[in-house]
N, C-alpha and C. Protein backbone atom coordinates (compact mmCIF):
# COMPACT_ATOMS: atom_id res chain seq x y z
N MET A 1 35.53 -55.94 37.12
CA MET A 1 34.80 -55.19 37.97
C MET A 1 34.77 -56.65 38.97
N TYR A 2 34.89 -55.87 40.23
CA TYR A 2 35.24 -56.96 41.49
C TYR A 2 33.36 -56.34 42.49
N TRP A 3 33.02 -57.58 42.79
CA TRP A 3 32.18 -57.17 43.72
C TRP A 3 32.57 -57.53 45.22
N ILE A 4 32.16 -57.38 46.09
CA ILE A 4 32.56 -57.61 47.26
C ILE A 4 31.65 -57.58 48.24
N ASN A 5 31.44 -58.39 49.00
CA ASN A 5 29.71 -59.00 49.99
C ASN A 5 30.65 -59.41 51.37
N ILE A 6 30.70 -58.52 52.27
CA ILE A 6 31.07 -58.50 53.17
C ILE A 6 29.66 -59.21 54.22
N ASN A 7 29.29 -60.44 55.13
CA ASN A 7 28.68 -60.51 55.91
C ASN A 7 29.15 -59.96 57.36
N SER A 8 28.62 -58.64 57.84
CA SER A 8 28.86 -58.40 59.17
C SER A 8 29.00 -59.11 60.41
N SER A 9 27.79 -60.25 61.18
CA SER A 9 27.39 -61.22 61.78
C SER A 9 28.55 -62.19 61.58
N ARG A 10 28.51 -63.07 60.74
CA ARG A 10 29.65 -63.85 60.67
C ARG A 10 30.68 -63.77 60.16
N PHE A 11 31.47 -62.25 60.52
CA PHE A 11 32.78 -61.96 60.43
C PHE A 11 33.15 -61.88 61.84
N ASN A 12 32.11 -61.20 62.39
CA ASN A 12 32.27 -60.65 64.10
C ASN A 12 32.06 -61.90 64.82
N ASN A 13 31.10 -63.07 64.37
CA ASN A 13 30.88 -63.70 65.02
C ASN A 13 32.85 -64.93 65.70
N ARG A 14 33.02 -65.43 63.81
CA ARG A 14 33.91 -66.21 64.09
C ARG A 14 35.54 -65.46 63.73
N PHE A 15 35.14 -64.18 64.14
CA PHE A 15 37.06 -63.59 63.53
C PHE A 15 37.86 -62.30 64.62
N CYS A 16 36.66 -62.54 64.89
CA CYS A 16 36.03 -61.03 66.44
C CYS A 16 35.47 -60.89 67.90
N CYS A 17 35.05 -62.42 68.10
CA CYS A 17 34.65 -62.50 69.18
C CYS A 17 35.88 -62.56 70.01
N ARG A 18 36.61 -63.12 69.73
CA ARG A 18 38.44 -63.76 70.73
C ARG A 18 38.70 -61.99 71.53
N ILE A 19 38.66 -61.45 70.84
CA ILE A 19 38.69 -59.99 71.16
C ILE A 19 38.44 -59.44 71.78
N PHE A 20 37.01 -59.65 72.41
CA PHE A 20 36.19 -59.41 73.27
C PHE A 20 36.46 -59.89 74.11
N HIS A 21 35.98 -61.80 74.56
CA HIS A 21 35.68 -62.68 75.24
C HIS A 21 36.03 -62.40 76.75
N GLN A 22 36.45 -61.37 76.91
CA GLN A 22 36.38 -61.01 78.41
C GLN A 22 35.85 -59.55 79.12
N GLY A 23 34.83 -58.94 77.81
CA GLY A 23 33.67 -58.01 77.44
C GLY A 23 34.64 -57.06 77.72
N LYS A 24 35.63 -57.05 77.23
CA LYS A 24 36.13 -55.12 78.06
C LYS A 24 36.41 -54.51 76.61
N ILE A 25 35.92 -53.73 76.76
CA ILE A 25 36.25 -52.75 75.24
C ILE A 25 36.87 -51.30 75.84
N GLY A 26 37.54 -51.33 75.62
CA GLY A 26 38.76 -50.25 75.16
C GLY A 26 38.05 -48.47 75.12
N GLN A 27 37.83 -47.62 75.44
CA GLN A 27 37.51 -46.42 75.66
C GLN A 27 38.55 -45.37 75.47
N SER A 28 38.37 -44.45 74.05
CA SER A 28 39.45 -43.25 73.69
C SER A 28 39.19 -42.14 74.95
N THR A 29 40.77 -41.90 74.17
CA THR A 29 40.65 -40.39 76.04
C THR A 29 41.48 -39.32 74.62
N SER A 30 40.75 -38.63 74.88
CA SER A 30 40.97 -37.07 74.63
C SER A 30 42.32 -36.18 75.17
N LEU A 31 43.46 -35.98 74.39
CA LEU A 31 44.90 -35.79 75.23
C LEU A 31 44.72 -34.32 74.71
N HIS A 32 43.49 -33.52 73.94
CA HIS A 32 43.60 -32.28 74.47
C HIS A 32 44.55 -31.52 73.65
N LEU A 33 45.17 -32.01 72.74
CA LEU A 33 46.34 -31.49 72.10
C LEU A 33 45.51 -31.50 70.20
N LEU A 34 44.56 -30.11 70.47
CA LEU A 34 44.22 -29.87 69.58
C LEU A 34 45.18 -28.57 68.44
N ASN A 35 44.16 -27.54 67.64
CA ASN A 35 45.33 -26.46 67.53
C ASN A 35 44.40 -25.42 67.46
N PRO A 36 44.94 -24.00 67.80
CA PRO A 36 44.17 -23.60 68.05
C PRO A 36 42.86 -22.47 67.25
N ILE A 37 42.06 -22.08 67.84
CA ILE A 37 40.75 -21.95 66.66
C ILE A 37 41.31 -20.58 66.62
N ARG A 38 41.84 -20.26 65.93
CA ARG A 38 42.36 -19.03 65.42
C ARG A 38 43.13 -18.74 64.58
N ASN A 39 42.90 -18.08 63.53
CA ASN A 39 43.93 -18.24 62.38
C ASN A 39 45.80 -17.96 62.64
N GLN A 40 46.79 -18.67 61.68
CA GLN A 40 47.83 -18.04 62.63
C GLN A 40 48.66 -18.25 61.73
N GLU A 41 50.02 -17.53 62.06
CA GLU A 41 50.85 -17.08 60.88
C GLU A 41 52.63 -17.60 61.86
N LYS A 42 53.73 -18.41 61.02
CA LYS A 42 54.52 -18.72 61.46
C LYS A 42 55.46 -18.73 60.40
N LEU A 43 56.86 -18.28 60.39
CA LEU A 43 58.03 -17.98 59.64
C LEU A 43 58.85 -18.64 60.64
N VAL A 44 59.39 -19.60 59.68
CA VAL A 44 60.68 -20.26 59.87
C VAL A 44 62.02 -19.84 60.15
N TYR A 45 63.09 -19.30 60.07
CA TYR A 45 64.33 -19.35 59.59
C TYR A 45 65.59 -20.45 59.53
N LYS A 46 66.05 -21.78 59.29
CA LYS A 46 66.18 -22.40 59.29
C LYS A 46 67.22 -22.81 58.20
N GLY A 47 69.13 -22.72 57.86
CA GLY A 47 69.23 -23.98 57.39
C GLY A 47 70.05 -23.00 56.37
N THR A 48 70.55 -23.19 54.91
CA THR A 48 71.29 -22.20 54.23
C THR A 48 70.69 -22.79 53.14
N GLU A 49 69.95 -23.87 52.60
CA GLU A 49 69.38 -24.57 51.12
C GLU A 49 68.67 -23.27 50.44
N PRO A 50 69.43 -21.94 49.59
CA PRO A 50 68.01 -21.20 49.37
C PRO A 50 66.24 -22.19 48.68
N LYS A 51 65.91 -22.20 49.74
CA LYS A 51 64.45 -23.24 49.40
C LYS A 51 63.42 -23.08 50.40
N ALA A 52 62.09 -22.76 50.00
CA ALA A 52 61.05 -22.37 51.22
C ALA A 52 60.42 -23.74 50.91
N THR A 53 59.88 -23.75 52.77
CA THR A 53 59.12 -25.00 52.55
C THR A 53 57.44 -24.00 52.85
N VAL A 54 56.91 -24.76 52.37
CA VAL A 54 55.16 -24.13 52.59
C VAL A 54 54.09 -25.37 52.94
N ASN A 55 53.28 -24.96 54.54
CA ASN A 55 52.76 -25.97 54.45
C ASN A 55 51.91 -24.28 54.94
N LEU A 56 50.27 -25.07 54.37
CA LEU A 56 49.30 -23.98 54.61
C LEU A 56 47.06 -25.48 55.41
N ILE A 57 46.95 -25.19 56.77
CA ILE A 57 46.52 -26.47 57.43
C ILE A 57 45.22 -24.80 57.66
N PHE A 58 44.15 -25.96 57.62
CA PHE A 58 42.56 -26.51 57.74
C PHE A 58 42.21 -26.99 58.69
N SER A 59 42.07 -27.02 60.07
CA SER A 59 41.57 -28.13 60.74
C SER A 59 40.07 -27.56 61.81
N GLY A 60 40.12 -28.59 62.29
CA GLY A 60 38.96 -28.31 63.78
C GLY A 60 37.79 -29.79 63.16
N PRO A 61 36.39 -29.41 64.01
CA PRO A 61 35.86 -30.96 64.11
C PRO A 61 35.27 -31.59 62.88
N PHE A 62 34.63 -32.42 62.89
CA PHE A 62 34.79 -33.27 61.48
C PHE A 62 32.93 -34.32 61.76
N ASP A 63 32.43 -33.43 61.29
CA ASP A 63 31.76 -34.45 61.77
C ASP A 63 31.82 -36.11 60.24
N TYR A 64 31.75 -37.36 61.36
CA TYR A 64 32.73 -38.87 60.80
C TYR A 64 31.40 -39.17 60.54
N ASN A 65 31.70 -39.53 59.67
CA ASN A 65 30.99 -41.06 58.40
C ASN A 65 31.33 -41.35 57.50
N PHE A 66 30.67 -41.82 56.61
CA PHE A 66 30.95 -42.74 55.21
C PHE A 66 31.18 -41.49 54.97
N THR A 67 30.24 -41.17 53.97
CA THR A 67 29.61 -40.53 52.90
C THR A 67 30.39 -39.39 53.28
N ASN A 68 30.22 -38.40 54.30
CA ASN A 68 31.67 -37.53 54.70
C ASN A 68 33.08 -37.54 54.03
N LYS A 69 33.88 -38.93 54.50
CA LYS A 69 35.21 -39.43 54.17
C LYS A 69 35.05 -39.56 52.81
N LEU A 70 34.14 -40.13 52.15
CA LEU A 70 34.23 -39.77 50.83
C LEU A 70 34.34 -38.43 49.76
N LYS A 71 33.57 -37.73 50.05
CA LYS A 71 33.70 -35.95 49.97
C LYS A 71 35.14 -35.46 49.80
N MET A 72 35.27 -35.47 51.27
CA MET A 72 36.98 -35.05 51.63
C MET A 72 37.61 -35.62 50.52
N ASP A 73 38.15 -36.99 50.48
CA ASP A 73 38.99 -37.72 49.29
C ASP A 73 38.47 -37.02 48.41
N ALA A 74 37.28 -36.87 47.54
CA ALA A 74 37.18 -36.48 46.20
C ALA A 74 37.71 -34.36 46.60
N LEU A 75 37.32 -34.19 46.97
CA LEU A 75 38.58 -31.92 47.57
C LEU A 75 39.24 -32.76 47.53
N LYS A 76 40.27 -33.88 48.23
CA LYS A 76 41.70 -33.85 49.18
C LYS A 76 41.91 -33.80 47.21
N GLU A 77 41.40 -34.53 46.51
CA GLU A 77 41.92 -35.13 44.96
C GLU A 77 41.58 -34.65 44.31
N THR A 78 40.77 -34.11 43.84
CA THR A 78 40.57 -33.16 42.86
C THR A 78 41.48 -31.62 42.97
N LEU A 79 41.30 -31.03 44.30
CA LEU A 79 41.86 -29.96 44.69
C LEU A 79 43.66 -29.81 44.26
N GLN A 80 44.33 -31.41 44.67
CA GLN A 80 45.77 -31.77 44.26
C GLN A 80 45.85 -31.62 43.08
N ILE A 81 44.83 -31.92 42.18
CA ILE A 81 44.81 -31.74 40.24
C ILE A 81 45.08 -30.17 40.11
N ARG A 82 44.36 -29.59 40.55
CA ARG A 82 44.40 -28.14 40.42
C ARG A 82 45.69 -27.75 40.87
N LEU A 83 45.79 -27.92 41.42
CA LEU A 83 46.93 -27.37 42.11
C LEU A 83 48.62 -27.83 41.23
N ILE A 84 48.15 -29.04 40.99
CA ILE A 84 49.42 -29.31 40.13
C ILE A 84 49.66 -28.45 38.63
N GLU A 85 48.11 -28.51 38.67
CA GLU A 85 48.00 -28.27 37.37
C GLU A 85 48.15 -26.74 37.13
N ARG A 86 48.15 -25.90 38.05
CA ARG A 86 48.65 -24.03 38.08
C ARG A 86 50.23 -23.92 38.68
N LEU A 87 50.22 -24.41 39.51
CA LEU A 87 51.40 -24.25 40.25
C LEU A 87 52.88 -24.47 40.00
N ARG A 88 52.79 -25.87 39.04
CA ARG A 88 53.66 -25.90 38.40
C ARG A 88 54.36 -26.33 37.14
N GLU A 89 52.51 -26.56 36.32
CA GLU A 89 52.94 -27.04 35.04
C GLU A 89 52.10 -24.94 34.84
N ASP A 90 51.46 -24.35 35.07
CA ASP A 90 51.52 -23.27 34.73
C ASP A 90 52.01 -21.51 35.49
N GLU A 91 52.65 -22.01 36.96
CA GLU A 91 53.29 -20.90 36.75
C GLU A 91 54.95 -21.76 36.73
N GLY A 92 55.43 -22.25 37.61
CA GLY A 92 56.19 -22.90 37.89
C GLY A 92 56.54 -22.87 38.83
N GLY A 93 58.36 -23.47 38.73
CA GLY A 93 58.73 -23.09 39.69
C GLY A 93 58.41 -23.63 41.58
N VAL A 94 57.32 -24.74 41.19
CA VAL A 94 57.90 -25.23 43.05
C VAL A 94 57.84 -26.66 42.56
N TYR A 95 58.10 -26.80 43.65
CA TYR A 95 58.17 -28.88 43.93
C TYR A 95 57.16 -29.89 45.15
N SER A 96 57.73 -31.05 44.30
CA SER A 96 56.34 -31.61 45.27
C SER A 96 54.75 -30.89 45.73
N PRO A 97 54.31 -30.12 44.44
CA PRO A 97 52.78 -29.71 45.19
C PRO A 97 52.10 -30.72 45.72
N GLY A 98 50.70 -30.69 46.78
CA GLY A 98 50.25 -31.52 46.64
C GLY A 98 49.81 -31.64 48.58
N VAL A 99 48.60 -32.33 47.86
CA VAL A 99 47.42 -32.24 49.47
C VAL A 99 47.40 -33.60 50.58
N ARG A 100 47.62 -33.45 51.85
CA ARG A 100 47.78 -34.03 52.99
C ARG A 100 46.53 -34.00 53.70
N MET A 101 45.90 -34.97 53.85
CA MET A 101 44.41 -35.30 55.25
C MET A 101 44.04 -35.67 55.80
N GLY A 102 44.07 -35.69 56.85
CA GLY A 102 44.40 -36.93 58.58
C GLY A 102 42.57 -36.54 58.14
N LEU A 103 42.07 -38.03 58.95
CA LEU A 103 40.27 -37.18 59.76
C LEU A 103 40.41 -38.37 60.98
N SER A 104 39.44 -37.25 61.63
CA SER A 104 39.70 -38.59 62.84
C SER A 104 38.10 -39.26 63.49
N LYS A 105 38.05 -39.45 63.99
CA LYS A 105 36.47 -40.03 64.75
C LYS A 105 36.45 -39.73 66.19
N LEU A 106 37.49 -41.31 66.66
CA LEU A 106 37.45 -40.96 68.73
C LEU A 106 39.01 -40.23 68.53
N PRO A 107 38.52 -39.57 69.83
CA PRO A 107 37.48 -39.43 70.64
C PRO A 107 36.28 -38.60 70.49
N GLN A 108 37.03 -37.80 69.28
CA GLN A 108 35.88 -36.99 69.04
C GLN A 108 36.19 -36.77 67.26
N GLY A 109 35.53 -35.88 66.36
CA GLY A 109 35.61 -35.90 64.78
C GLY A 109 36.26 -34.21 64.58
N ARG A 110 37.57 -35.19 64.18
CA ARG A 110 38.71 -33.60 63.82
C ARG A 110 38.39 -34.26 62.04
N TYR A 111 39.32 -33.06 61.66
CA TYR A 111 40.41 -33.41 60.36
C TYR A 111 41.29 -32.29 59.92
N SER A 112 41.98 -32.77 59.77
CA SER A 112 43.39 -31.94 59.62
C SER A 112 43.32 -31.55 57.61
N PHE A 113 43.24 -30.88 57.09
CA PHE A 113 43.78 -30.66 55.39
C PHE A 113 44.88 -29.81 54.98
N MET A 114 46.30 -29.84 54.52
CA MET A 114 47.28 -29.18 54.15
C MET A 114 47.76 -29.79 53.16
N VAL A 115 47.93 -28.26 52.67
CA VAL A 115 48.20 -28.22 50.74
C VAL A 115 50.08 -27.01 51.09
N THR A 116 50.43 -28.55 50.85
CA THR A 116 52.65 -27.66 50.64
C THR A 116 53.29 -28.01 49.38
N PHE A 117 53.64 -27.28 49.57
CA PHE A 117 55.21 -27.17 48.99
C PHE A 117 56.34 -26.49 48.92
N GLY A 118 57.36 -26.86 48.11
CA GLY A 118 58.44 -26.43 48.63
C GLY A 118 58.45 -25.14 46.87
N CYS A 119 59.21 -24.21 47.25
CA CYS A 119 59.58 -23.14 46.52
C CYS A 119 60.59 -22.41 46.42
N ALA A 120 61.58 -21.06 45.58
CA ALA A 120 62.47 -20.46 45.59
C ALA A 120 61.72 -19.16 46.43
N PRO A 121 62.39 -18.91 47.99
CA PRO A 121 61.90 -18.14 48.83
C PRO A 121 61.36 -16.36 48.24
N GLU A 122 61.53 -16.14 47.15
CA GLU A 122 61.03 -15.19 46.60
C GLU A 122 59.78 -15.29 46.01
N ASN A 123 59.45 -16.32 45.66
CA ASN A 123 58.04 -16.95 45.30
C ASN A 123 56.76 -17.40 46.67
N VAL A 124 57.18 -16.95 47.22
CA VAL A 124 55.83 -17.73 48.68
C VAL A 124 54.93 -17.47 48.23
N GLU A 125 54.59 -15.65 48.06
CA GLU A 125 53.62 -15.16 48.56
C GLU A 125 52.28 -15.50 47.47
N LYS A 126 53.39 -15.06 46.35
CA LYS A 126 52.58 -15.56 44.75
C LYS A 126 52.34 -16.52 45.34
N LEU A 127 52.14 -17.30 45.49
CA LEU A 127 52.33 -19.09 44.97
C LEU A 127 51.44 -19.58 46.25
N ILE A 128 51.43 -19.39 47.55
CA ILE A 128 50.71 -19.57 48.37
C ILE A 128 49.18 -18.61 47.92
N ALA A 129 49.05 -17.62 47.56
CA ALA A 129 47.72 -16.89 46.64
C ALA A 129 47.39 -17.73 46.10
N SER A 130 48.18 -18.06 44.88
CA SER A 130 48.14 -18.71 43.48
C SER A 130 47.03 -20.04 44.06
N SER A 131 47.49 -20.71 45.52
CA SER A 131 46.94 -21.92 45.95
C SER A 131 45.32 -21.90 47.04
N LEU A 132 45.15 -20.54 47.54
CA LEU A 132 43.94 -19.91 48.02
C LEU A 132 43.30 -19.72 47.17
N ASP A 133 43.48 -19.35 45.74
CA ASP A 133 43.29 -19.14 45.09
C ASP A 133 42.46 -20.49 44.17
N GLU A 134 43.23 -20.71 43.92
CA GLU A 134 42.27 -22.49 43.88
C GLU A 134 41.31 -23.29 44.71
N ILE A 135 42.10 -22.69 46.16
CA ILE A 135 40.80 -23.38 46.54
C ILE A 135 38.99 -22.38 46.55
N GLU A 136 39.30 -21.43 46.42
CA GLU A 136 38.07 -20.59 46.39
C GLU A 136 36.95 -20.52 45.67
N LYS A 137 37.74 -21.06 44.46
CA LYS A 137 37.75 -21.58 43.00
C LYS A 137 36.58 -22.03 42.81
N ILE A 138 37.25 -23.60 44.59
CA ILE A 138 36.32 -25.10 44.39
C ILE A 138 35.45 -24.65 44.86
N LYS A 139 35.32 -23.94 46.13
CA LYS A 139 34.27 -22.79 47.03
C LYS A 139 33.39 -22.35 46.40
N THR A 140 33.53 -21.35 44.98
CA THR A 140 32.63 -20.71 44.36
C THR A 140 31.70 -22.06 43.27
N ASP A 141 32.50 -22.39 42.06
CA ASP A 141 31.99 -22.91 40.99
C ASP A 141 32.23 -24.36 41.70
N GLY A 142 33.34 -25.25 42.19
CA GLY A 142 33.03 -26.31 42.59
C GLY A 142 34.05 -27.04 41.00
N PRO A 143 34.10 -27.81 41.56
CA PRO A 143 35.42 -28.94 41.12
C PRO A 143 34.98 -28.93 39.44
N ALA A 144 35.96 -29.81 38.55
CA ALA A 144 35.26 -29.54 37.17
C ALA A 144 35.11 -31.37 37.38
N GLN A 145 34.28 -31.09 36.13
CA GLN A 145 33.51 -33.02 35.89
C GLN A 145 33.93 -33.51 35.44
N VAL A 146 35.37 -33.46 35.26
CA VAL A 146 36.21 -33.55 34.27
C VAL A 146 37.09 -34.93 35.71
N HIS A 147 37.77 -34.07 37.05
CA HIS A 147 38.30 -34.28 37.86
C HIS A 147 37.60 -34.53 38.80
N ILE A 148 36.29 -34.95 39.19
CA ILE A 148 35.40 -35.64 39.41
C ILE A 148 35.96 -37.30 38.91
N ASP A 149 35.49 -37.02 37.86
CA ASP A 149 35.38 -38.91 37.46
C ASP A 149 36.24 -39.59 37.39
N LYS A 150 37.78 -38.43 36.96
CA LYS A 150 39.39 -38.94 37.00
C LYS A 150 39.13 -39.70 38.51
N PHE A 151 38.72 -39.18 40.00
CA PHE A 151 38.80 -39.02 41.08
C PHE A 151 37.38 -40.84 40.92
N LYS A 152 36.25 -40.79 40.31
CA LYS A 152 35.61 -42.10 40.67
C LYS A 152 36.43 -43.11 39.65
N ALA A 153 37.52 -42.74 38.83
CA ALA A 153 38.25 -44.38 38.24
C ALA A 153 39.08 -44.58 39.14
N GLU A 154 40.19 -43.69 39.28
CA GLU A 154 41.04 -44.18 40.36
C GLU A 154 40.95 -44.49 41.95
N THR A 155 39.96 -44.61 41.58
CA THR A 155 39.20 -44.86 43.67
C THR A 155 39.24 -46.28 42.86
N GLN A 156 37.74 -46.76 41.72
CA GLN A 156 37.51 -47.83 41.57
C GLN A 156 38.95 -48.45 41.55
N ARG A 157 40.21 -48.54 40.15
CA ARG A 157 40.23 -48.87 40.29
C ARG A 157 42.11 -50.19 41.67
N SER A 158 42.28 -47.88 42.50
CA SER A 158 42.27 -48.71 43.76
C SER A 158 41.83 -49.72 44.30
N ILE A 159 40.08 -49.81 44.47
CA ILE A 159 39.90 -50.56 45.30
C ILE A 159 39.96 -52.01 44.40
N GLU A 160 39.43 -52.13 43.65
CA GLU A 160 39.52 -53.35 42.96
C GLU A 160 41.47 -53.90 43.03
N THR A 161 42.36 -53.26 42.61
CA THR A 161 43.35 -54.56 43.26
C THR A 161 43.98 -54.46 44.72
N GLY A 162 43.26 -53.14 45.28
CA GLY A 162 43.29 -53.60 46.67
C GLY A 162 42.83 -54.58 47.26
N VAL A 163 41.08 -55.39 46.55
CA VAL A 163 40.71 -56.01 47.53
C VAL A 163 41.12 -57.42 47.56
N LYS A 164 42.08 -57.74 46.64
CA LYS A 164 42.78 -58.78 46.22
C LYS A 164 44.60 -58.95 47.21
N THR A 165 44.82 -57.68 48.18
CA THR A 165 45.41 -58.46 49.65
C THR A 165 45.07 -58.19 50.81
N ASN A 166 46.22 -58.93 51.09
CA ASN A 166 45.96 -59.26 52.98
C ASN A 166 45.71 -57.49 53.65
N GLY A 167 46.74 -56.75 53.37
CA GLY A 167 47.22 -55.63 53.82
C GLY A 167 46.00 -54.51 53.96
N PHE A 168 45.21 -54.32 52.29
CA PHE A 168 44.19 -54.08 52.26
C PHE A 168 42.61 -54.24 53.68
N TRP A 169 42.49 -55.29 53.37
CA TRP A 169 42.27 -56.13 54.17
C TRP A 169 41.87 -56.16 55.97
N MET A 170 43.16 -55.84 56.23
CA MET A 170 44.18 -55.57 57.47
C MET A 170 44.00 -54.22 57.78
N GLY A 171 43.87 -53.13 57.14
CA GLY A 171 43.27 -52.49 56.96
C GLY A 171 42.74 -51.46 57.52
N TYR A 172 41.20 -52.65 56.58
CA TYR A 172 40.35 -52.00 56.45
C TYR A 172 39.48 -52.10 57.66
N PHE A 173 39.44 -53.79 57.98
CA PHE A 173 39.33 -53.91 59.42
C PHE A 173 39.73 -53.73 60.60
N SER A 174 40.67 -53.22 60.96
CA SER A 174 41.70 -52.43 61.78
C SER A 174 39.85 -51.13 61.69
N GLY A 175 40.66 -50.64 60.67
CA GLY A 175 40.05 -48.98 60.87
C GLY A 175 38.79 -49.22 61.16
N GLN A 176 37.60 -49.64 60.34
CA GLN A 176 36.12 -49.90 61.16
C GLN A 176 35.92 -50.58 62.45
N LEU A 177 37.17 -51.47 63.17
CA LEU A 177 36.48 -51.39 64.27
C LEU A 177 36.92 -51.18 65.13
N GLN A 178 38.00 -50.35 64.99
CA GLN A 178 38.39 -48.96 65.97
C GLN A 178 37.45 -48.08 66.06
N ASN A 179 36.97 -47.49 64.79
CA ASN A 179 35.79 -46.20 65.29
C ASN A 179 34.33 -46.59 65.15
N HIS A 180 34.62 -48.25 65.30
CA HIS A 180 33.14 -48.75 65.76
C HIS A 180 32.12 -48.50 64.69
N GLU A 181 32.52 -48.79 63.31
CA GLU A 181 31.79 -48.31 61.71
C GLU A 181 31.25 -49.59 62.07
N ASN A 182 30.78 -50.07 60.79
CA ASN A 182 29.88 -51.35 60.65
C ASN A 182 31.25 -51.81 59.62
N LEU A 183 30.77 -53.02 59.10
CA LEU A 183 31.80 -53.53 58.59
C LEU A 183 31.40 -53.46 56.64
N ASP A 184 30.15 -54.07 56.88
CA ASP A 184 29.47 -53.64 55.35
C ASP A 184 29.58 -52.72 54.82
N GLN A 185 29.81 -51.82 55.22
CA GLN A 185 30.01 -50.44 53.92
C GLN A 185 30.95 -50.66 53.47
N ILE A 186 32.08 -51.23 53.04
CA ILE A 186 32.71 -51.53 52.00
C ILE A 186 31.34 -52.69 50.66
N ASN A 187 30.86 -53.24 50.81
CA ASN A 187 30.11 -53.62 49.96
C ASN A 187 29.23 -52.21 49.63
N SER A 188 29.33 -50.53 49.53
CA SER A 188 28.67 -50.03 49.12
C SER A 188 29.58 -49.12 48.62
N TYR A 189 30.97 -49.36 48.72
CA TYR A 189 31.80 -47.99 48.54
C TYR A 189 31.64 -48.04 46.63
N ILE A 190 31.47 -48.36 45.54
CA ILE A 190 31.80 -48.31 44.52
C ILE A 190 30.74 -47.15 44.18
N THR A 191 29.22 -47.64 45.26
CA THR A 191 28.21 -47.17 44.83
C THR A 191 28.25 -45.46 44.96
N GLN A 192 28.82 -45.17 46.38
CA GLN A 192 28.89 -44.64 47.40
C GLN A 192 29.94 -43.15 46.66
N VAL A 193 30.50 -43.57 46.10
CA VAL A 193 32.05 -42.96 44.75
C VAL A 193 30.88 -42.72 43.49
N ASN A 194 30.44 -43.06 43.23
CA ASN A 194 29.87 -43.27 42.30
C ASN A 194 28.81 -42.00 42.25
N SER A 195 28.07 -42.12 43.05
CA SER A 195 27.66 -40.46 44.15
C SER A 195 27.73 -39.11 44.19
N ILE A 196 29.04 -39.40 44.56
CA ILE A 196 30.41 -38.06 44.28
C ILE A 196 29.62 -36.99 43.20
N THR A 197 29.79 -35.45 43.80
CA THR A 197 28.92 -35.08 42.64
C THR A 197 29.85 -33.19 43.11
N PRO A 198 30.22 -32.66 42.00
CA PRO A 198 31.05 -31.59 41.61
C PRO A 198 29.97 -30.51 42.72
N ALA A 199 29.03 -30.84 42.95
CA ALA A 199 28.26 -30.10 44.49
C ALA A 199 28.60 -30.58 45.44
N ASN A 200 28.27 -31.65 46.15
CA ASN A 200 28.72 -32.04 46.67
C ASN A 200 30.51 -32.49 48.04
N VAL A 201 30.43 -32.00 46.50
CA VAL A 201 32.87 -31.06 46.93
C VAL A 201 32.50 -29.73 47.34
N LYS A 202 31.80 -28.91 46.46
CA LYS A 202 31.54 -28.03 46.96
C LYS A 202 31.55 -27.60 48.38
N GLU A 203 30.25 -28.05 48.26
CA GLU A 203 29.69 -27.32 49.86
C GLU A 203 30.67 -28.53 50.90
N THR A 204 31.54 -29.20 50.46
CA THR A 204 32.18 -29.55 51.41
C THR A 204 33.63 -28.48 51.72
N ALA A 205 33.88 -27.75 50.61
CA ALA A 205 34.89 -26.76 50.54
C ALA A 205 34.57 -25.86 51.45
N ILE A 206 33.46 -25.76 50.86
CA ILE A 206 32.77 -24.06 51.89
C ILE A 206 33.09 -24.71 53.46
N LYS A 207 32.17 -25.66 53.62
CA LYS A 207 32.15 -25.86 54.95
C LYS A 207 33.74 -26.09 55.29
N TYR A 208 34.11 -27.71 55.30
CA TYR A 208 36.06 -27.23 56.44
C TYR A 208 37.09 -26.79 55.75
N LEU A 209 36.60 -25.39 54.89
CA LEU A 209 37.72 -24.79 54.05
C LEU A 209 38.16 -24.04 53.99
N SER A 210 36.63 -22.74 54.65
CA SER A 210 35.95 -21.95 55.55
C SER A 210 37.44 -20.98 55.28
N GLY A 211 38.82 -21.13 56.46
CA GLY A 211 39.44 -20.18 56.18
C GLY A 211 39.56 -19.35 58.57
N LYS A 212 38.72 -20.28 58.31
CA LYS A 212 38.68 -20.25 60.52
C LYS A 212 39.37 -20.18 61.20
N ASN A 213 39.75 -21.12 60.38
CA ASN A 213 41.20 -22.16 60.97
C ASN A 213 42.85 -22.24 60.15
N TYR A 214 43.09 -21.25 59.79
CA TYR A 214 44.20 -21.39 59.32
C TYR A 214 45.30 -20.99 59.93
N ILE A 215 45.91 -21.88 59.40
CA ILE A 215 46.96 -22.02 59.85
C ILE A 215 48.09 -21.56 58.41
N LYS A 216 49.38 -20.79 58.65
CA LYS A 216 50.30 -20.74 57.60
C LYS A 216 51.47 -20.59 58.02
N LEU A 217 52.13 -21.65 57.48
CA LEU A 217 53.88 -22.52 58.63
C LEU A 217 54.83 -22.29 57.05
N VAL A 218 55.78 -21.42 57.39
CA VAL A 218 56.91 -20.94 56.44
C VAL A 218 58.72 -21.39 57.01
N LEU A 219 58.86 -22.43 55.85
CA LEU A 219 60.35 -22.36 56.52
C LEU A 219 61.38 -21.88 55.35
N LEU A 220 61.86 -20.10 55.90
CA LEU A 220 62.98 -20.05 54.97
C LEU A 220 64.19 -20.19 55.63
N PRO A 221 65.20 -20.24 54.40
CA PRO A 221 66.52 -20.42 54.80
C PRO A 221 66.81 -19.32 55.40
N GLN A 222 68.06 -19.25 56.13
CA GLN A 222 68.74 -18.37 57.37
C GLN A 222 68.66 -17.21 56.69
N GLN A 223 68.12 -16.18 57.32
CA GLN A 223 68.97 -14.85 57.21
C GLN A 223 70.16 -14.25 57.62
N GLY A 224 71.12 -13.91 56.30
CA GLY A 224 72.63 -12.93 56.90
C GLY A 224 72.48 -12.49 57.83
N ASN A 225 73.76 -12.54 58.78
CA ASN A 225 73.66 -11.47 59.86
C ASN A 225 73.97 -9.92 59.68
């Protein structure tokens, strides 16, 4: 177990004061490059390889804070476990199933949550239905406690390993400073992770995977003339 204690006042005075020595603080500017607020479906026919690539994207406004970030992390990891178990191990015929997530605070809180996998073209709709079914199960029943426990153990192990490296601290400090977040948050990270429950993740799934802003993108091999 590694205990971390960051004194944000001392850190700011020693390491960050030079960044703002001219009294200038940059402002975030929105480029207004947001996904349309409606459900969409796009099929693209390109290439000759007999393989399909599927992206299912949920996106929209996000209430950005430390706790909500952790809940989204837990949702991402537990959904990925379920998708791998069902798509790859139970149904087969799927390549590299995974869940990707992006969160931003500035200039406005946004999230993007994407389920992605490859499969044979004839299995596209069946595997999409299975993926959406797993999302609905989390929204209805929440993730299994064993999956939450796995998320907690892997997250704690990742932190304990990461704090020994300069790369971890560079990423942490730059992210916190860019988002105007408290540098002391790392001190309670493990405690916050351990407070995550299946009910928390269920509520997060209901709120952010509602299907009100859902985009279905499928790449299929080019059809013959």
